[in-house]
Amino acid sequence: MADSVTTPLKVIAGADSFGADLKDAMVAHLRSLNIEVEDLGITFYYNIGAEVGRRVSSATASPSVETRGLLACGTGVGVGVFANKFPGVFATTCLTTDEARNNRSINNCNVLALSGMSTPVEKAKEIVDTWLNTPFKSPCPASKSEPWPEDIAKFFDESMNEMPKIGASEKTEAETCAVCCLVKKRELNPIDIIPGGSMKILRESPTSAIVRFKAGSVEPAHHHTFGHCLVVMEGKKSVWNLSKEERYDLSVGDYLFTPAGDVHRVKYYEDTEFFIKWDGKWDMFFDEDLETAKAAIDKELANGSA
């Protein structure tokens, strides 16, 4: 790392299937530089782009750690588009070191998007190193390697404050229709797909649903071939991501994204209702039986509090 980076750096990484190998190589490269990396894994490009963007955006309020994002998909464009949906995120696709240097200097790029189909690993390492070591407003190929004039440097500073405001006051049709695809005024009967879980689908579409679980329900450890995200609307639950060895205690308003393939176990403490969205055809593969799940949950809760 260059001396210009004076605060601790954390990088949040993710990819789709086309960028998976390149992402894994870059995660290993970053860790070899003693940079903290949170690897969100692999899922559809719009899910992973949005999740990395969301987390980088949320972290901009913390000055003690600089948080950046690193994404990879086939072209590097799609993941960047979705990351840029979040305020304070300046995601750019870089295919050369000059582009990385220009985008750090001019756009303060804090999410780097790479092309898994056109960028070899060694070239990607050079791009990542340039992105890591180029300060905002520094000389770059676009400035003919000369310091930026004072008026342009001032414009860059103002742009960082003004760009996140663009569109913030405009309410678009898409923003008002987040769940408009769900079938309305329809209640389905409880289903028995999950042993130990009394689940009822209240509204649904092919890739989303509003679901209700009774208090005390348990989902034994399982995984999916797709990523899914949820928002709790009512109640309280815990999710144990066994793949990442992390526990998330969720209540009203909390959001959680679980990457494809991550094994997770769930406990519902209250009657709980949540909105869940997934990609592709619904699937579910159990990794343990109900009694094993209950015993593991009871043991952890006995050693702490829910």
Protein backbone atom coordinates (compact mmCIF):
# COMPACT_ATOMS: atom_id res chain seq x y z
CA MET A 1 0.00 0.00 0.00
CA ALA A 2 1.13 3.52 -0.73
CA ASP A 3 1.78 5.96 2.12
CA SER A 4 -1.06 8.12 0.79
CA VAL A 5 -3.56 5.74 2.39
CA THR A 6 -3.38 6.78 6.05
CA THR A 7 -6.53 5.18 7.45
CA PRO A 8 -7.19 1.44 7.71
CA LEU A 9 -8.68 0.06 4.50
CA LYS A 10 -11.39 -2.55 4.15
CA VAL A 11 -12.52 -3.93 0.81
CA ILE A 12 -15.91 -5.59 0.28
CA ALA A 13 -15.76 -7.99 -2.67
CA GLY A 14 -18.22 -9.97 -4.75
CA ALA A 15 -18.88 -11.29 -8.24
CA ASP A 16 -21.23 -13.12 -10.52
CA SER A 17 -20.33 -16.46 -12.10
CA PHE A 18 -18.50 -14.79 -15.01
CA GLY A 19 -16.25 -12.84 -12.63
CA ALA A 20 -15.89 -15.50 -9.92
CA ASP A 21 -12.35 -16.67 -10.72
CA LEU A 22 -11.01 -13.14 -11.15
CA LYS A 23 -12.69 -12.02 -7.90
CA ASP A 24 -11.15 -14.93 -6.00
CA ALA A 25 -7.71 -14.08 -7.36
CA MET A 26 -8.09 -10.41 -6.40
CA VAL A 27 -9.32 -11.29 -2.91
CA ALA A 28 -6.20 -13.41 -2.44
CA HIS A 29 -4.05 -10.56 -3.80
CA LEU A 30 -5.59 -8.00 -1.46
CA ARG A 31 -5.13 -10.28 1.54
CA SER A 32 -1.49 -10.80 0.55
CA LEU A 33 -1.16 -7.02 0.98
CA ASN A 34 -2.61 -7.33 4.52
CA ILE A 35 -5.80 -5.57 3.49
CA GLU A 36 -8.98 -6.64 5.27
CA VAL A 37 -11.41 -8.18 2.78
CA GLU A 38 -15.04 -9.15 3.30
CA ASP A 39 -15.89 -11.60 0.53
CA LEU A 40 -19.64 -11.72 -0.16
CA GLY A 41 -19.25 -14.58 -2.60
CA ILE A 42 -20.99 -15.16 -5.90
CA THR A 43 -24.55 -14.51 -7.06
CA PHE A 44 -26.36 -12.73 -9.89
CA TYR A 45 -24.60 -9.53 -10.96
CA TYR A 46 -27.45 -7.23 -9.95
CA ASN A 47 -27.67 -8.72 -6.46
CA ILE A 48 -23.96 -8.63 -5.73
CA GLY A 49 -23.50 -5.20 -7.30
CA ALA A 50 -26.30 -3.78 -5.19
CA GLU A 51 -25.10 -5.44 -1.99
CA VAL A 52 -21.53 -4.19 -2.31
CA GLY A 53 -22.85 -0.74 -3.22
CA ARG A 54 -25.19 -0.75 -0.22
CA ARG A 55 -22.43 -1.68 2.19
CA VAL A 56 -19.91 0.83 0.84
CA SER A 57 -22.60 3.52 0.96
CA SER A 58 -23.44 2.70 4.58
CA ALA A 59 -19.78 2.74 5.55
CA THR A 60 -19.08 6.23 4.18
CA ALA A 61 -20.32 7.72 7.45
CA SER A 62 -17.44 6.07 9.36
CA PRO A 63 -14.20 8.07 8.94
CA SER A 64 -12.13 5.65 11.04
CA VAL A 65 -11.99 3.01 8.29
CA GLU A 66 -11.94 3.61 4.54
CA THR A 67 -14.31 1.10 2.95
CA ARG A 68 -14.12 0.37 -0.75
CA GLY A 69 -15.72 -2.26 -2.97
CA LEU A 70 -14.34 -4.63 -5.58
CA LEU A 71 -16.66 -6.32 -8.06
CA ALA A 72 -16.30 -8.56 -11.08
CA CYS A 73 -18.75 -9.75 -13.72
CA GLY A 74 -18.40 -10.66 -17.39
CA THR A 75 -17.79 -7.12 -18.62
CA GLY A 76 -17.43 -5.27 -15.35
CA VAL A 77 -20.26 -2.97 -16.39
CA GLY A 78 -23.36 -4.59 -14.89
CA VAL A 79 -22.08 -4.84 -11.33
CA GLY A 80 -20.95 -1.22 -11.48
CA VAL A 81 -24.35 -0.02 -12.66
CA PHE A 82 -26.10 -1.54 -9.65
CA ALA A 83 -23.45 -0.48 -7.14
CA ASN A 84 -23.92 3.11 -8.31
CA LYS A 85 -27.58 3.07 -7.23
CA PHE A 86 -26.44 3.98 -3.71
CA PRO A 87 -25.40 7.47 -2.51
CA GLY A 88 -21.72 8.06 -1.99
CA VAL A 89 -20.73 5.18 -4.27
CA PHE A 90 -18.56 5.98 -7.28
CA ALA A 91 -18.17 2.69 -9.11
CA THR A 92 -16.27 2.55 -12.39
CA THR A 93 -15.24 -0.23 -14.75
CA CYS A 94 -11.49 -0.22 -15.38
CA LEU A 95 -9.80 -2.30 -18.07
CA THR A 96 -6.38 -0.63 -17.87
CA THR A 97 -4.15 0.92 -15.23
CA ASP A 98 -4.58 4.33 -16.88
CA GLU A 99 -8.34 4.03 -16.45
CA ALA A 100 -7.88 3.07 -12.80
CA ARG A 101 -5.58 6.05 -12.22
CA ASN A 102 -7.92 8.46 -14.02
CA ASN A 103 -11.00 7.24 -12.18
CA ARG A 104 -9.36 7.45 -8.76
CA SER A 105 -8.04 10.93 -9.53
CA ILE A 106 -11.15 12.40 -11.16
CA ASN A 107 -14.08 10.40 -9.75
CA ASN A 108 -12.69 9.27 -6.38
CA CYS A 109 -13.67 5.76 -7.48
CA ASN A 110 -14.41 3.74 -4.33
CA VAL A 111 -15.83 0.65 -6.06
CA LEU A 112 -13.67 -0.97 -8.72
CA ALA A 113 -15.47 -3.14 -11.30
CA LEU A 114 -13.42 -5.65 -13.28
CA SER A 115 -14.13 -7.72 -16.38
CA GLY A 116 -13.85 -11.43 -15.78
CA MET A 117 -14.02 -12.18 -19.50
CA SER A 118 -11.39 -9.78 -20.82
CA THR A 119 -8.91 -9.05 -18.00
CA PRO A 120 -6.17 -11.61 -17.16
CA VAL A 121 -5.28 -12.07 -13.50
CA GLU A 122 -1.86 -10.40 -13.69
CA LYS A 123 -3.30 -7.39 -15.50
CA ALA A 124 -6.09 -7.19 -12.93
CA LYS A 125 -3.51 -7.12 -10.14
CA GLU A 126 -1.86 -4.11 -11.79
CA ILE A 127 -5.23 -2.38 -12.09
CA VAL A 128 -6.07 -3.11 -8.44
CA ASP A 129 -2.66 -1.88 -7.25
CA THR A 130 -3.07 1.34 -9.22
CA TRP A 131 -6.58 1.80 -7.80
CA LEU A 132 -5.29 1.24 -4.27
CA ASN A 133 -2.35 3.63 -4.56
CA THR A 134 -3.81 6.57 -6.50
CA PRO A 135 -5.16 9.39 -4.30
CA PHE A 136 -8.15 11.51 -5.30
CA LYS A 137 -7.14 14.57 -7.38
CA SER A 138 -3.60 13.27 -7.97
CA PRO A 139 -1.82 13.70 -11.31
CA CYS A 140 -3.00 11.14 -13.85
CA PRO A 141 -2.94 10.51 -17.60
CA ALA A 142 -6.02 12.74 -18.01
CA SER A 143 -4.07 15.65 -16.48
CA LYS A 144 -0.99 14.76 -18.57
CA SER A 145 0.58 13.64 -15.28
CA GLU A 146 0.60 17.24 -14.05
CA PRO A 147 -1.14 18.47 -10.84
CA TRP A 148 -4.71 19.57 -11.43
CA PRO A 149 -5.30 23.35 -11.53
CA GLU A 150 -6.90 24.78 -8.38
CA ASP A 151 -10.25 25.47 -10.05
CA ILE A 152 -10.58 21.88 -11.30
CA ALA A 153 -9.49 20.44 -7.95
CA LYS A 154 -12.19 22.57 -6.29
CA PHE A 155 -14.75 21.26 -8.78
CA PHE A 156 -13.76 17.69 -7.90
CA ASP A 157 -14.31 18.41 -4.20
CA GLU A 158 -17.74 19.92 -4.83
CA SER A 159 -18.73 17.06 -7.11
CA MET A 160 -18.29 14.55 -4.27
CA ASN A 161 -20.97 16.40 -2.29
CA GLU A 162 -23.28 17.21 -5.18
CA MET A 163 -23.37 13.92 -7.12
CA PRO A 164 -25.09 11.89 -4.36
CA LYS A 165 -27.90 14.47 -4.31
CA ILE A 166 -28.80 13.94 -7.97
CA GLY A 167 -32.25 12.39 -8.18
CA ALA A 168 -32.63 12.17 -4.40
CA SER A 169 -35.69 14.42 -4.37
CA GLU A 170 -37.32 12.75 -7.38
CA LYS A 171 -39.78 9.96 -6.66
CA THR A 172 -39.80 7.59 -9.60
CA GLU A 173 -42.40 5.02 -10.50
CA ALA A 174 -39.92 2.24 -9.76
CA GLU A 175 -39.43 3.51 -6.22
CA THR A 176 -43.15 3.34 -5.50
CA CYS A 177 -43.56 -0.17 -6.89
CA ALA A 178 -41.03 -2.25 -4.99
CA VAL A 179 -43.59 -4.97 -4.23
CA CYS A 180 -46.22 -4.20 -6.87
CA CYS A 181 -45.45 -7.51 -8.59
CA LEU A 182 -46.81 -9.46 -5.63
CA VAL A 183 -50.27 -10.98 -5.99
CA LYS A 184 -52.66 -8.94 -3.87
CA LYS A 185 -55.55 -10.00 -1.63
CA ARG A 186 -54.46 -13.60 -1.62
CA GLU A 187 -53.63 -15.82 1.31
CA LEU A 188 -52.23 -19.26 0.66
CA ASN A 189 -52.49 -22.21 3.00
CA PRO A 190 -49.54 -23.08 5.26
CA ILE A 191 -46.92 -25.25 3.51
CA ASP A 192 -44.72 -27.98 4.94
CA ILE A 193 -41.54 -27.53 2.91
CA ILE A 194 -39.52 -26.71 6.04
CA PRO A 195 -39.49 -29.26 8.90
CA GLY A 196 -40.02 -27.42 12.16
CA GLY A 197 -41.27 -24.27 10.48
CA SER A 198 -44.92 -23.28 10.33
CA MET A 199 -44.76 -21.09 7.23
CA LYS A 200 -47.51 -19.29 5.38
CA ILE A 201 -47.09 -17.33 2.15
CA LEU A 202 -49.29 -14.22 2.25
CA ARG A 203 -48.44 -12.73 -1.14
CA GLU A 204 -46.17 -13.98 -3.89
CA SER A 205 -44.64 -13.51 -7.33
CA PRO A 206 -42.31 -15.87 -9.24
CA THR A 207 -39.26 -14.38 -7.49
CA SER A 208 -40.56 -12.76 -4.29
CA ALA A 209 -43.01 -13.27 -1.46
CA ILE A 210 -44.30 -11.98 1.84
CA VAL A 211 -43.96 -14.86 4.29
CA ARG A 212 -45.11 -15.41 7.87
CA PHE A 213 -43.62 -17.88 10.40
CA LYS A 214 -45.11 -18.76 13.78
CA ALA A 215 -43.11 -18.09 16.94
CA GLY A 216 -40.85 -21.02 17.80
CA SER A 217 -40.38 -22.14 14.21
CA VAL A 218 -36.93 -23.39 13.21
CA GLU A 219 -35.36 -23.75 9.77
CA PRO A 220 -32.65 -26.44 9.90
CA ALA A 221 -29.39 -25.59 8.17
CA HIS A 222 -29.94 -25.36 4.41
CA HIS A 223 -28.69 -23.62 1.28
CA HIS A 224 -29.90 -22.45 -2.15
CA THR A 225 -28.32 -22.16 -5.57
CA PHE A 226 -29.30 -18.47 -5.62
CA GLY A 227 -28.77 -15.47 -3.40
CA HIS A 228 -31.75 -14.02 -1.58
CA CYS A 229 -32.46 -10.88 0.38
CA LEU A 230 -35.13 -10.15 2.97
CA VAL A 231 -36.57 -7.32 5.05
CA VAL A 232 -38.31 -8.04 8.36
CA MET A 233 -41.74 -6.40 8.53
CA GLU A 234 -42.89 -7.79 11.87
CA GLY A 235 -41.41 -9.95 14.64
CA LYS A 236 -37.94 -11.15 15.57
CA LYS A 237 -35.65 -13.88 14.23
CA SER A 238 -32.01 -14.98 14.17
CA VAL A 239 -30.10 -16.28 11.17
CA TRP A 240 -26.90 -18.26 11.63
CA ASN A 241 -24.75 -18.17 8.49
CA LEU A 242 -22.74 -21.33 9.11
CA SER A 243 -20.57 -20.79 6.03
CA LYS A 244 -19.36 -17.44 7.36
CA GLU A 245 -19.68 -18.35 11.06
CA GLU A 246 -21.80 -15.27 11.67
CA ARG A 247 -25.10 -14.68 13.46
CA TYR A 248 -27.60 -11.98 12.56
CA ASP A 249 -30.34 -10.97 15.03
CA LEU A 250 -33.09 -9.34 12.99
CA SER A 251 -36.14 -7.33 13.98
CA VAL A 252 -38.52 -4.92 12.26
CA GLY A 253 -36.83 -3.02 9.43
CA ASP A 254 -33.67 -5.11 9.36
CA TYR A 255 -32.27 -6.27 6.00
CA LEU A 256 -30.17 -9.34 5.25
CA PHE A 257 -28.61 -10.71 2.06
CA THR A 258 -27.52 -14.37 1.98
CA PRO A 259 -25.24 -15.29 -0.96
CA ALA A 260 -25.82 -18.37 -3.08
CA GLY A 261 -24.56 -21.55 -1.48
CA ASP A 262 -24.16 -20.16 2.04
CA VAL A 263 -25.49 -22.67 4.59
CA HIS A 264 -27.79 -20.99 7.11
CA ARG A 265 -30.08 -21.89 10.03
CA VAL A 266 -33.01 -19.79 11.31
CA LYS A 267 -34.94 -19.42 14.58
CA TYR A 268 -38.14 -17.37 14.98
CA TYR A 269 -38.73 -15.94 18.48
CA GLU A 270 -42.03 -14.22 17.66
CA ASP A 271 -44.63 -14.47 14.93
CA THR A 272 -42.51 -13.02 12.14
CA GLU A 273 -43.42 -11.61 8.76
CA PHE A 274 -40.89 -10.62 6.13
CA PHE A 275 -40.49 -9.75 2.45
CA ILE A 276 -38.05 -12.05 0.62
CA LYS A 277 -36.72 -11.82 -2.94
CA TRP A 278 -34.67 -14.42 -4.77
CA ASP A 279 -33.33 -15.09 -8.27
CA GLY A 280 -34.27 -18.04 -10.42
CA LYS A 281 -36.42 -21.05 -9.63
CA TRP A 282 -36.92 -21.64 -5.92
CA ASP A 283 -34.82 -24.48 -4.51
CA MET A 284 -33.81 -25.62 -1.03
CA PHE A 285 -31.26 -28.22 0.07
CA PHE A 286 -31.11 -29.29 3.73
CA ASP A 287 -27.73 -29.79 5.40
CA GLU A 288 -28.95 -31.11 8.77
CA ASP A 289 -32.05 -32.59 10.40
CA LEU A 290 -34.47 -30.71 12.64
CA GLU A 291 -33.31 -32.22 15.94
CA THR A 292 -29.67 -31.34 15.21
CA ALA A 293 -30.72 -27.77 14.42
CA LYS A 294 -32.77 -27.41 17.60
CA ALA A 295 -29.95 -28.79 19.73
CA ALA A 296 -27.42 -26.40 18.21
CA ILE A 297 -29.72 -23.40 18.68
CA ASP A 298 -30.62 -24.36 22.28
CA LYS A 299 -26.93 -24.77 23.14
CA GLU A 300 -25.99 -21.35 21.79
CA LEU A 301 -28.95 -19.57 23.35
CA ALA A 302 -28.21 -21.24 26.69
CA ASN A 303 -24.73 -19.70 26.57
CA GLY A 304 -26.02 -16.24 25.74
CA SER A 305 -29.21 -14.38 25.00
CA ALA A 306 -31.46 -14.20 21.94
